[in-house]
Amino acid sequence: MKFRGGMGELMRQASRMQRKIERRRAELKSQEFEAGAGDDKVKCTVNGGAEILKIEIDPAALEEEGLEMVQDLAVAAINAALKKAREHVDGELEKVTGGLKIPGLG
């Protein structure tokens, strides 16, 4: 298979795509995603860089549910927020790559 521009052009395009991906990742890192568990008795906020920013716990939940249940709700809220962020980031990066799954670029 022969393509226009040769291997050098392919490498330049890959490099440009990598820069676009890194730029978009940096932009997405500033976005926040929130999810809750237990009727939002526990809420978690994360950013597009998969960092936990905030966990909110309704004080009444500790009295009503107990410590172990609130801990489980916290884990559920964190995982839900991280999943939401990951899906959004993956979708945005797919736009940059045109849907291509290129090892080492995404």
Protein backbone atom coordinates (compact mmCIF):
# COMPACT_ATOMS: atom_id res chain seq x y z
CA MET A 1 0.00 0.00 0.00
CA LYS A 2 1.42 3.33 -1.03
CA PHE A 3 0.14 6.65 0.24
CA ARG A 4 0.89 10.22 -0.62
CA GLY A 5 3.66 11.87 1.34
CA GLY A 6 5.26 8.67 2.53
CA MET A 7 6.15 7.64 6.04
CA GLY A 8 7.37 11.14 6.98
CA GLU A 9 3.95 12.64 6.30
CA LEU A 10 2.26 9.86 8.27
CA MET A 11 4.53 10.58 11.24
CA ARG A 12 3.78 14.32 11.04
CA GLN A 13 0.04 13.62 11.01
CA ALA A 14 0.38 11.29 13.99
CA SER A 15 2.35 13.96 15.84
CA ARG A 16 -0.32 16.59 15.08
CA MET A 17 -3.04 14.22 16.27
CA GLN A 18 -1.12 13.55 19.49
CA ARG A 19 -0.84 17.30 20.17
CA LYS A 20 -4.57 17.73 19.55
CA ILE A 21 -5.36 14.85 21.92
CA GLU A 22 -3.12 16.27 24.65
CA ARG A 23 -4.61 19.75 24.22
CA ARG A 24 -8.15 18.35 24.44
CA ARG A 25 -7.27 16.24 27.50
CA ALA A 26 -6.01 19.40 29.24
CA GLU A 27 -9.25 21.21 28.39
CA LEU A 28 -11.36 18.29 29.62
CA LYS A 29 -9.44 18.15 32.90
CA SER A 30 -11.12 21.40 33.93
CA GLN A 31 -14.63 20.00 33.38
CA GLU A 32 -16.49 18.67 36.40
CA PHE A 33 -18.81 15.67 36.59
CA GLU A 34 -21.11 14.84 39.49
CA ALA A 35 -22.97 11.69 40.48
CA GLY A 36 -24.89 10.69 43.55
CA ALA A 37 -25.95 7.54 45.33
CA GLY A 38 -28.66 6.69 47.83
CA ASP A 39 -31.10 9.31 46.55
CA ASP A 40 -28.19 11.78 46.45
CA LYS A 41 -27.46 11.37 50.13
CA VAL A 42 -23.86 11.01 48.98
CA LYS A 43 -22.56 13.00 46.01
CA CYS A 44 -19.17 12.98 44.37
CA THR A 45 -17.63 15.50 41.97
CA VAL A 46 -14.67 14.55 39.77
CA ASN A 47 -12.89 16.25 36.90
CA GLY A 48 -12.07 15.01 33.40
CA GLY A 49 -8.65 13.98 34.67
CA ALA A 50 -10.29 11.38 36.94
CA GLU A 51 -9.45 13.30 40.10
CA ILE A 52 -11.93 13.42 42.97
CA LEU A 53 -12.72 17.05 43.72
CA LYS A 54 -15.44 16.83 46.33
CA ILE A 55 -17.54 14.36 48.29
CA GLU A 56 -20.73 15.55 49.95
CA ILE A 57 -22.45 13.44 52.60
CA ASP A 58 -25.84 14.32 54.04
CA PRO A 59 -25.29 14.21 57.81
CA ALA A 60 -28.72 12.65 58.28
CA ALA A 61 -27.58 9.69 56.15
CA LEU A 62 -25.10 8.66 58.83
CA GLU A 63 -27.86 8.55 61.42
CA GLU A 64 -30.38 6.85 59.15
CA GLU A 65 -28.15 4.45 57.24
CA GLY A 66 -25.12 3.92 59.44
CA LEU A 67 -21.43 4.30 58.68
CA GLU A 68 -20.97 1.14 56.60
CA MET A 69 -23.88 1.97 54.29
CA VAL A 70 -22.64 5.55 53.81
CA GLN A 71 -19.18 4.21 52.97
CA ASP A 72 -20.76 1.93 50.35
CA LEU A 73 -22.76 4.86 48.98
CA ALA A 74 -19.57 6.93 48.76
CA VAL A 75 -17.87 4.21 46.72
CA ALA A 76 -20.91 3.96 44.44
CA ALA A 77 -21.06 7.75 43.94
CA ILE A 78 -17.33 7.96 43.21
CA ASN A 79 -17.48 5.12 40.69
CA ALA A 80 -20.54 6.62 38.99
CA ALA A 81 -18.90 10.05 38.70
CA LEU A 82 -15.66 8.55 37.36
CA LYS A 83 -17.61 6.50 34.81
CA LYS A 84 -19.50 9.59 33.68
CA ALA A 85 -16.24 11.52 33.29
CA ARG A 86 -14.48 8.66 31.48
CA GLU A 87 -17.34 8.20 29.01
CA HIS A 88 -17.42 11.94 28.27
CA VAL A 89 -13.64 12.17 27.83
CA ASP A 90 -13.57 9.06 25.61
CA GLY A 91 -16.35 10.51 23.45
CA GLU A 92 -14.57 13.83 23.09
CA LEU A 93 -11.25 12.19 22.22
CA GLU A 94 -13.00 9.99 19.68
CA LYS A 95 -14.08 13.20 17.92
CA VAL A 96 -10.43 14.28 17.74
CA THR A 97 -9.23 10.96 16.35
CA GLY A 98 -12.18 10.50 14.02
CA GLY A 99 -13.05 7.25 15.78
CA LEU A 100 -9.65 5.68 15.15
CA LYS A 101 -8.26 3.53 17.93
CA ILE A 102 -4.54 4.16 17.57
CA PRO A 103 -2.34 2.53 20.21
CA GLY A 104 -0.22 5.09 22.02
CA LEU A 105 -2.23 8.11 20.82
CA GLY A 106 -5.40 7.92 22.87
